[in-house]
PDB file of N, CA and C in Angstrom:
ATOM      1  N   UNK A   1      -8.063  -8.296 -19.690  1.00  0.00           N
ATOM      2  CA  UNK A   1      -7.208  -8.018 -18.265  1.00  0.00           C
ATOM      3  C   UNK A   1      -8.232  -7.704 -17.520  1.00  0.00           C
ATOM      4  N   UNK A   2      -7.869  -8.056 -16.123  1.00  0.00           N
ATOM      5  CA  UNK A   2      -9.044  -7.552 -15.240  1.00  0.00           C
ATOM      6  C   UNK A   2      -8.893  -6.355 -14.456  1.00  0.00           C
ATOM      7  N   UNK A   3      -7.414  -6.013 -14.289  1.00  0.00           N
ATOM      8  CA  UNK A   3      -6.803  -4.635 -14.197  1.00  0.00           C
ATOM      9  C   UNK A   3      -5.576  -4.481 -14.396  1.00  0.00           C
ATOM     10  N   UNK A   4      -5.264  -3.042 -14.209  1.00  0.00           N
ATOM     11  CA  UNK A   4      -3.723  -2.724 -14.628  1.00  0.00           C
ATOM     12  C   UNK A   4      -3.059  -2.238 -13.333  1.00  0.00           C
ATOM     13  N   UNK A   5      -1.595  -2.583 -13.004  1.00  0.00           N
ATOM     14  CA  UNK A   5      -1.328  -2.549 -12.335  1.00  0.00           C
ATOM     15  C   UNK A   5       0.153  -1.439 -12.401  1.00  0.00           C
ATOM     16  N   UNK A   6       0.042  -0.510 -11.867  1.00  0.00           N
ATOM     17  CA  UNK A   6       0.941   0.663 -12.359  1.00  0.00           C
ATOM     18  C   UNK A   6       2.475   0.310 -11.378  1.00  0.00           C
ATOM     19  N   UNK A   7       3.484   0.154 -11.377  1.00  0.00           N
ATOM     20  CA  UNK A   7       4.380  -0.363 -10.826  1.00  0.00           C
ATOM     21  C   UNK A   7       5.643   0.711 -11.544  1.00  0.00           C
ATOM     22  N   UNK A   8       6.987   0.073 -10.672  1.00  0.00           N
ATOM     23  CA  UNK A   8       8.214   0.686 -10.959  1.00  0.00           C
ATOM     24  C   UNK A   8       9.067  -0.759 -10.939  1.00  0.00           C
ATOM     25  N   UNK A   9      10.266  -0.762 -11.582  1.00  0.00           N
ATOM     26  CA  UNK A   9      11.174  -1.756 -11.361  1.00  0.00           C
ATOM     27  C   UNK A   9      11.884  -2.359 -10.306  1.00  0.00           C
ATOM     28  N   UNK A  10      11.903  -0.956  -9.262  1.00  0.00           N
ATOM     29  CA  UNK A  10      12.469  -0.761  -8.178  1.00  0.00           C
ATOM     30  C   UNK A  10      11.842  -1.547  -7.075  1.00  0.00           C
ATOM     31  N   UNK A  11      10.560  -1.466  -7.172  1.00  0.00           N
ATOM     32  CA  UNK A  11       9.332  -1.484  -5.980  1.00  0.00           C
ATOM     33  C   UNK A  11       9.460  -2.993  -5.732  1.00  0.00           C
ATOM     34  N   UNK A  12       9.843  -3.055  -4.736  1.00  0.00           N
ATOM     35  CA  UNK A  12       9.497  -4.233  -3.499  1.00  0.00           C
ATOM     36  C   UNK A  12       8.351  -4.639  -3.398  1.00  0.00           C
ATOM     37  N   UNK A  13       7.274  -4.133  -3.208  1.00  0.00           N
ATOM     38  CA  UNK A  13       5.781  -4.220  -2.954  1.00  0.00           C
ATOM     39  C   UNK A  13       5.286  -4.723  -3.876  1.00  0.00           C
ATOM     40  N   UNK A  14       5.677  -4.307  -5.338  1.00  0.00           N
ATOM     41  CA  UNK A  14       5.126  -4.284  -6.700  1.00  0.00           C
ATOM     42  C   UNK A  14       5.475  -6.060  -6.998  1.00  0.00           C
ATOM     43  N   UNK A  15       6.949  -6.135  -7.103  1.00  0.00           N
ATOM     44  CA  UNK A  15       7.076  -7.384  -6.785  1.00  0.00           C
ATOM     45  C   UNK A  15       6.708  -8.650  -6.049  1.00  0.00           C
ATOM     46  N   UNK A  16       6.417  -8.124  -4.806  1.00  0.00           N
ATOM     47  CA  UNK A  16       5.632  -9.083  -4.107  1.00  0.00           C
ATOM     48  C   UNK A  16       4.390  -9.470  -4.489  1.00  0.00           C
ATOM     49  N   UNK A  17       3.520  -8.541  -4.762  1.00  0.00           N
ATOM     50  CA  UNK A  17       2.027  -8.745  -4.852  1.00  0.00           C
ATOM     51  C   UNK A  17       2.199  -9.217  -6.675  1.00  0.00           C
ATOM     52  N   UNK A  18       3.025  -8.986  -7.452  1.00  0.00           N
ATOM     53  CA  UNK A  18       2.869  -9.786  -9.044  1.00  0.00           C
ATOM     54  C   UNK A  18       3.158 -10.832  -8.465  1.00  0.00           C
ATOM     55  N   UNK A  19       4.101 -11.399  -7.989  1.00  0.00           N
ATOM     56  CA  UNK A  19       4.552 -12.820  -7.623  1.00  0.00           C
ATOM     57  C   UNK A  19       3.340 -13.929  -6.999  1.00  0.00           C
ATOM     58  N   UNK A  20       2.625 -13.054  -6.122  1.00  0.00           N
ATOM     59  CA  UNK A  20       1.316 -13.763  -5.368  1.00  0.00           C
ATOM     60  C   UNK A  20       0.630 -13.844  -6.450  1.00  0.00           C
ATOM     61  N   UNK A  21       0.216 -12.926  -7.340  1.00  0.00           N
ATOM     62  CA  UNK A  21      -0.879 -12.885  -8.256  1.00  0.00           C
ATOM     63  C   UNK A  21      -0.650 -13.718  -9.340  1.00  0.00           C
ATOM     64  N   UNK A  22       0.766 -14.129  -9.969  1.00  0.00           N
ATOM     65  CA  UNK A  22       1.142 -15.025 -10.986  1.00  0.00           C
ATOM     66  C   UNK A  22       1.113 -16.242 -10.021  1.00  0.00           C
ATOM     67  N   UNK A  23       1.210 -16.817  -9.079  1.00  0.00           N
ATOM     68  CA  UNK A  23       1.023 -17.893  -8.553  1.00  0.00           C
ATOM     69  C   UNK A  23      -0.510 -18.305  -8.367  1.00  0.00           C
ATOM     70  N   UNK A  24      -1.429 -17.264  -8.150  1.00  0.00           N
ATOM     71  CA  UNK A  24      -2.730 -17.577  -7.998  1.00  0.00           C
ATOM     72  C   UNK A  24      -3.424 -17.709  -9.588  1.00  0.00           C
ATOM     73  N   UNK A  25      -2.664 -17.321 -10.376  1.00  0.00           N
ATOM     74  CA  UNK A  25      -3.238 -17.461 -11.901  1.00  0.00           C
ATOM     75  C   UNK A  25      -3.885 -16.259 -12.210  1.00  0.00           C
ATOM     76  N   UNK A  26      -3.954 -15.203 -11.822  1.00  0.00           N
ATOM     77  CA  UNK A  26      -4.886 -13.843 -11.925  1.00  0.00           C
ATOM     78  C   UNK A  26      -4.014 -13.124 -12.773  1.00  0.00           C
ATOM     79  N   UNK A  27      -5.094 -13.097 -14.274  1.00  0.00           N
ATOM     80  CA  UNK A  27      -4.270 -12.071 -15.018  1.00  0.00           C
ATOM     81  C   UNK A  27      -4.266 -10.714 -14.762  1.00  0.00           C
ATOM     82  N   UNK A  28      -3.271  -9.720 -15.341  1.00  0.00           N
ATOM     83  CA  UNK A  28      -3.299  -8.342 -15.197  1.00  0.00           C
ATOM     84  C   UNK A  28      -2.351  -7.802 -16.117  1.00  0.00           C
ATOM     85  N   UNK A  29      -2.580  -6.463 -16.519  1.00  0.00           N
ATOM     86  CA  UNK A  29      -1.263  -5.837 -17.247  1.00  0.00           C
ATOM     87  C   UNK A  29      -0.766  -4.759 -16.060  1.00  0.00           C
ATOM     88  N   UNK A  30       0.753  -4.892 -16.445  1.00  0.00           N
ATOM     89  CA  UNK A  30       1.649  -4.018 -15.937  1.00  0.00           C
ATOM     90  C   UNK A  30       2.091  -2.722 -16.797  1.00  0.00           C
ATOM     91  N   UNK A  31       1.983  -1.726 -16.128  1.00  0.00           N
ATOM     92  CA  UNK A  31       2.824  -0.539 -16.681  1.00  0.00           C
ATOM     93  C   UNK A  31       3.400  -0.021 -15.779  1.00  0.00           C
ATOM     94  N   UNK A  32       4.924   0.100 -16.198  1.00  0.00           N
ATOM     95  CA  UNK A  32       6.002   1.001 -15.719  1.00  0.00           C
ATOM     96  C   UNK A  32       5.848   2.504 -15.881  1.00  0.00           C
ATOM     97  N   UNK A  33       5.520   3.102 -14.411  1.00  0.00           N
ATOM     98  CA  UNK A  33       5.238   4.510 -14.522  1.00  0.00           C
ATOM     99  C   UNK A  33       6.372   5.224 -14.961  1.00  0.00           C
ATOM    100  N   UNK A  34       7.659   4.764 -14.630  1.00  0.00           N
ATOM    101  CA  UNK A  34       8.597   5.529 -15.126  1.00  0.00           C
ATOM    102  C   UNK A  34       9.054   5.545 -16.659  1.00  0.00           C
ATOM    103  N   UNK A  35       8.685   4.424 -17.191  1.00  0.00           N
ATOM    104  CA  UNK A  35       8.726   4.399 -18.538  1.00  0.00           C
ATOM    105  C   UNK A  35       7.405   5.558 -19.707  1.00  0.00           C
ATOM    106  N   UNK A  36       6.528   5.263 -18.672  1.00  0.00           N
ATOM    107  CA  UNK A  36       4.917   6.246 -19.435  1.00  0.00           C
ATOM    108  C   UNK A  36       4.639   7.390 -18.392  1.00  0.00           C
ATOM    109  N   UNK A  37       5.171   8.408 -18.925  1.00  0.00           N
ATOM    110  CA  UNK A  37       4.780   9.592 -17.743  1.00  0.00           C
ATOM    111  C   UNK A  37       3.151   9.865 -17.710  1.00  0.00           C
ATOM    112  N   UNK A  38       2.524   9.781 -19.039  1.00  0.00           N
ATOM    113  CA  UNK A  38       0.987   9.651 -18.647  1.00  0.00           C
ATOM    114  C   UNK A  38       0.674   8.559 -17.922  1.00  0.00           C
ATOM    115  N   UNK A  39       0.955   7.319 -17.239  1.00  0.00           N
ATOM    116  CA  UNK A  39       0.971   6.469 -16.275  1.00  0.00           C
ATOM    117  C   UNK A  39       0.925   6.940 -15.121  1.00  0.00           C
ATOM    118  N   UNK A  40       2.264   7.776 -14.931  1.00  0.00           N
ATOM    119  CA  UNK A  40       2.376   8.377 -13.573  1.00  0.00           C
ATOM    120  C   UNK A  40       1.503   9.291 -13.381  1.00  0.00           C
ATOM    121  N   UNK A  41       0.996   9.828 -14.227  1.00  0.00           N
ATOM    122  CA  UNK A  41      -0.275  11.213 -13.717  1.00  0.00           C
ATOM    123  C   UNK A  41      -1.387  10.189 -13.313  1.00  0.00           C
ATOM    124  N   UNK A  42      -1.649   8.903 -13.910  1.00  0.00           N
ATOM    125  CA  UNK A  42      -2.825   8.404 -13.490  1.00  0.00           C
ATOM    126  C   UNK A  42      -2.609   8.063 -11.897  1.00  0.00           C
ATOM    127  N   UNK A  43      -1.487   7.506 -11.758  1.00  0.00           N
ATOM    128  CA  UNK A  43      -1.244   7.229 -10.356  1.00  0.00           C
ATOM    129  C   UNK A  43      -1.412   8.479  -9.458  1.00  0.00           C
ATOM    130  N   UNK A  44      -0.994   9.570  -9.936  1.00  0.00           N
ATOM    131  CA  UNK A  44      -0.983  10.835  -9.079  1.00  0.00           C
ATOM    132  C   UNK A  44      -2.404  11.229  -8.833  1.00  0.00           C
ATOM    133  N   UNK A  45      -3.174  10.947  -9.824  1.00  0.00           N
ATOM    134  CA  UNK A  45      -4.480  11.145  -9.309  1.00  0.00           C
ATOM    135  C   UNK A  45      -5.413  10.503  -8.604  1.00  0.00           C
ATOM    136  N   UNK A  46      -4.894   9.032  -8.621  1.00  0.00           N
ATOM    137  CA  UNK A  46      -5.576   8.164  -7.594  1.00  0.00           C
ATOM    138  C   UNK A  46      -5.186   8.294  -6.206  1.00  0.00           C
ATOM    139  N   UNK A  47      -3.661   9.063  -6.140  1.00  0.00           N
ATOM    140  CA  UNK A  47      -2.863   8.819  -4.711  1.00  0.00           C
ATOM    141  C   UNK A  47      -2.337  10.573  -4.332  1.00  0.00           C
ATOM    142  N   UNK A  48      -3.555  11.267  -4.310  1.00  0.00           N
ATOM    143  CA  UNK A  48      -3.464  13.020  -4.189  1.00  0.00           C
ATOM    144  C   UNK A  48      -2.166  13.386  -4.382  1.00  0.00           C
ATOM    145  N   UNK A  49      -1.474  13.264  -5.734  1.00  0.00           N
ATOM    146  CA  UNK A  49      -0.759  13.707  -6.307  1.00  0.00           C
ATOM    147  C   UNK A  49       0.908  12.850  -5.714  1.00  0.00           C
ATOM    148  N   UNK A  50       0.887  11.955  -5.321  1.00  0.00           N
ATOM    149  CA  UNK A  50       1.658  10.961  -5.181  1.00  0.00           C
ATOM    150  C   UNK A  50       1.690   9.833  -6.214  1.00  0.00           C
ATOM    151  N   UNK A  51       3.400   9.625  -6.475  1.00  0.00           N
ATOM    152  CA  UNK A  51       3.598   8.070  -7.157  1.00  0.00           C
ATOM    153  C   UNK A  51       3.682   7.034  -6.276  1.00  0.00           C
ATOM    154  N   UNK A  52       2.495   6.647  -5.800  1.00  0.00           N
ATOM    155  CA  UNK A  52       2.675   5.248  -4.683  1.00  0.00           C
ATOM    156  C   UNK A  52       2.549   4.343  -5.543  1.00  0.00           C
ATOM    157  N   UNK A  53       3.233   3.230  -5.757  1.00  0.00           N
ATOM    158  CA  UNK A  53       2.888   2.053  -6.186  1.00  0.00           C
ATOM    159  C   UNK A  53       3.249   0.780  -5.175  1.00  0.00           C
ATOM    160  N   UNK A  54       2.738  -0.577  -5.775  1.00  0.00           N
ATOM    161  CA  UNK A  54       1.802  -0.521  -6.502  1.00  0.00           C
ATOM    162  C   UNK A  54       0.387   0.394  -6.583  1.00  0.00           C
ATOM    163  N   UNK A  55      -0.211   0.711  -7.847  1.00  0.00           N
ATOM    164  CA  UNK A  55      -1.603   1.228  -7.566  1.00  0.00           C
ATOM    165  C   UNK A  55      -2.301   0.397  -8.823  1.00  0.00           C
ATOM    166  N   UNK A  56      -3.501  -0.445  -8.416  1.00  0.00           N
ATOM    167  CA  UNK A  56      -4.200  -1.071  -8.978  1.00  0.00           C
ATOM    168  C   UNK A  56      -5.325  -0.238  -9.845  1.00  0.00           C
ATOM    169  N   UNK A  57      -5.804  -0.271 -10.811  1.00  0.00           N
ATOM    170  CA  UNK A  57      -6.916   0.277 -11.666  1.00  0.00           C
ATOM    171  C   UNK A  57      -7.733  -1.051 -12.229  1.00  0.00           C
ATOM    172  N   UNK A  58      -8.959  -0.960 -11.920  1.00  0.00           N
ATOM    173  CA  UNK A  58     -10.013  -2.009 -12.185  1.00  0.00           C
ATOM    174  C   UNK A  58     -10.571  -1.531 -13.341  1.00  0.00           C
ATOM    175  N   UNK A  59     -11.109  -2.603 -14.214  1.00  0.00           N
ATOM    176  CA  UNK A  59     -12.163  -1.845 -15.425  1.00  0.00           C
ATOM    177  C   UNK A  59     -13.131  -1.004 -14.987  1.00  0.00           C
ATOM    178  N   UNK A  60     -13.767  -1.109 -13.766  1.00  0.00           N
ATOM    179  CA  UNK A  60     -14.905  -0.088 -13.242  1.00  0.00           C
ATOM    180  C   UNK A  60     -14.365   1.310 -12.948  1.00  0.00           C
ATOM    181  N   UNK A  61     -13.034   1.500 -13.020  1.00  0.00           N
ATOM    182  CA  UNK A  61     -12.750   2.699 -12.798  1.00  0.00           C
ATOM    183  C   UNK A  61     -11.976   2.812 -11.327  1.00  0.00           C
ATOM    184  N   UNK A  62     -12.321   1.676 -10.448  1.00  0.00           N
ATOM    185  CA  UNK A  62     -11.907   1.971  -9.009  1.00  0.00           C
ATOM    186  C   UNK A  62     -10.283   1.652  -9.209  1.00  0.00           C
ATOM    187  N   UNK A  63      -9.777   1.865  -7.986  1.00  0.00           N
ATOM    188  CA  UNK A  63      -8.442   1.926  -7.778  1.00  0.00           C
ATOM    189  C   UNK A  63      -8.374   1.432  -6.284  1.00  0.00           C
ATOM    190  N   UNK A  64      -6.892   0.482  -6.231  1.00  0.00           N
ATOM    191  CA  UNK A  64      -6.257   0.149  -4.800  1.00  0.00           C
ATOM    192  C   UNK A  64      -4.768   0.451  -4.775  1.00  0.00           C
ATOM    193  N   UNK A  65      -4.364   1.010  -3.802  1.00  0.00           N
ATOM    194  CA  UNK A  65      -2.940   1.161  -3.595  1.00  0.00           C
ATOM    195  C   UNK A  65      -2.320   0.432  -2.682  1.00  0.00           C
ATOM    196  N   UNK A  66      -1.276  -0.458  -3.058  1.00  0.00           N
ATOM    197  CA  UNK A  66      -0.685  -1.447  -2.281  1.00  0.00           C
ATOM    198  C   UNK A  66      -1.636  -2.414  -1.620  1.00  0.00           C
ATOM    199  N   UNK A  67      -2.402  -2.994  -2.373  1.00  0.00           N
ATOM    200  CA  UNK A  67      -3.537  -3.823  -1.632  1.00  0.00           C
ATOM    201  C   UNK A  67      -2.892  -5.295  -1.217  1.00  0.00           C
ATOM    202  N   UNK A  68      -3.163  -6.060  -0.621  1.00  0.00           N
ATOM    203  CA  UNK A  68      -3.048  -7.392  -0.454  1.00  0.00           C
ATOM    204  C   UNK A  68      -3.593  -8.193  -1.375  1.00  0.00           C
ATOM    205  N   UNK A  69      -2.917  -9.420  -1.627  1.00  0.00           N
ATOM    206  CA  UNK A  69      -3.716 -10.341  -2.361  1.00  0.00           C
ATOM    207  C   UNK A  69      -4.900 -10.687  -2.105  1.00  0.00           C
ATOM    208  N   UNK A  70      -5.574 -10.780  -1.029  1.00  0.00           N
ATOM    209  CA  UNK A  70      -6.895 -10.999  -0.368  1.00  0.00           C
ATOM    210  C   UNK A  70      -7.788  -9.844  -0.775  1.00  0.00           C
ATOM    211  N   UNK A  71      -7.381  -8.314  -0.818  1.00  0.00           N
ATOM    212  CA  UNK A  71      -8.121  -7.442  -1.109  1.00  0.00           C
ATOM    213  C   UNK A  71      -8.203  -7.383  -2.622  1.00  0.00           C
ATOM    214  N   UNK A  72      -7.263  -7.808  -3.302  1.00  0.00           N
ATOM    215  CA  UNK A  72      -7.269  -7.899  -4.687  1.00  0.00           C
ATOM    216  C   UNK A  72      -8.358  -8.967  -5.255  1.00  0.00           C
ATOM    217  N   UNK A  73      -8.195 -10.074  -4.752  1.00  0.00           N
ATOM    218  CA  UNK A  73      -9.204 -11.221  -4.770  1.00  0.00           C
ATOM    219  C   UNK A  73     -10.665 -10.761  -4.417  1.00  0.00           C
ATOM    220  N   UNK A  74     -10.845 -10.104  -3.184  1.00  0.00           N
ATOM    221  CA  UNK A  74     -12.168  -9.549  -2.887  1.00  0.00           C
ATOM    222  C   UNK A  74     -12.499  -8.669  -3.971  1.00  0.00           C
ATOM    223  N   UNK A  75     -12.081  -8.047  -4.499  1.00  0.00           N
ATOM    224  CA  UNK A  75     -12.303  -6.829  -5.404  1.00  0.00           C
ATOM    225  C   UNK A  75     -12.826  -7.430  -6.700  1.00  0.00           C
ATOM    226  N   UNK A  76     -11.856  -8.391  -7.325  1.00  0.00           N
ATOM    227  CA  UNK A  76     -12.402  -9.059  -8.283  1.00  0.00           C
ATOM    228  C   UNK A  76     -13.590  -9.702  -8.292  1.00  0.00           C
ATOM    229  N   UNK A  77     -13.892 -10.289  -7.274  1.00  0.00           N
ATOM    230  CA  UNK A  77     -15.117 -11.473  -6.980  1.00  0.00           C
ATOM    231  C   UNK A  77     -16.221 -10.412  -6.841  1.00  0.00           C
ATOM    232  N   UNK A  78     -15.546  -9.043  -6.383  1.00  0.00           N
ATOM    233  CA  UNK A  78     -17.242  -7.948  -6.624  1.00  0.00           C
ATOM    234  C   UNK A  78     -17.444  -7.904  -7.803  1.00  0.00           C
ATOM    235  N   UNK A  79     -16.499  -7.518  -8.448  1.00  0.00           N
ATOM    236  CA  UNK A  79     -16.689  -7.271 -10.082  1.00  0.00           C
ATOM    237  C   UNK A  79     -17.105  -8.278 -10.746  1.00  0.00           C
ATOM    238  N   UNK A  80     -17.281  -9.515 -10.284  1.00  0.00           N
ATOM    239  CA  UNK A  80     -17.604 -10.500 -11.184  1.00  0.00           C
ATOM    240  C   UNK A  80     -19.182 -10.866 -10.677  1.00  0.00           C
ATOM    241  N   UNK A  81     -19.601 -10.321  -9.546  1.00  0.00           N
ATOM    242  CA  UNK A  81     -20.795 -10.569  -9.264  1.00  0.00           C
ATOM    243  C   UNK A  81     -21.878  -9.387  -9.741  1.00  0.00           C
TER     244      UNK A  81
END
């Protein structure tokens, strides 16, 4: 997996981004922070105590909160180089 998307079932932004990623053929893992409290803590650490989703965490430990598809593609390209 190139990154993990922390999400909730009711998050419209999460659904939109995952649909865009799927259409682009970009692989990722999804973790529902409502089902996994330890994942909610990861999201809170990245977002100053807030459970803001989608939060993406990359293999290098960096993170993006509610990024655009373009931002995700740019980040993945920088990790590949």
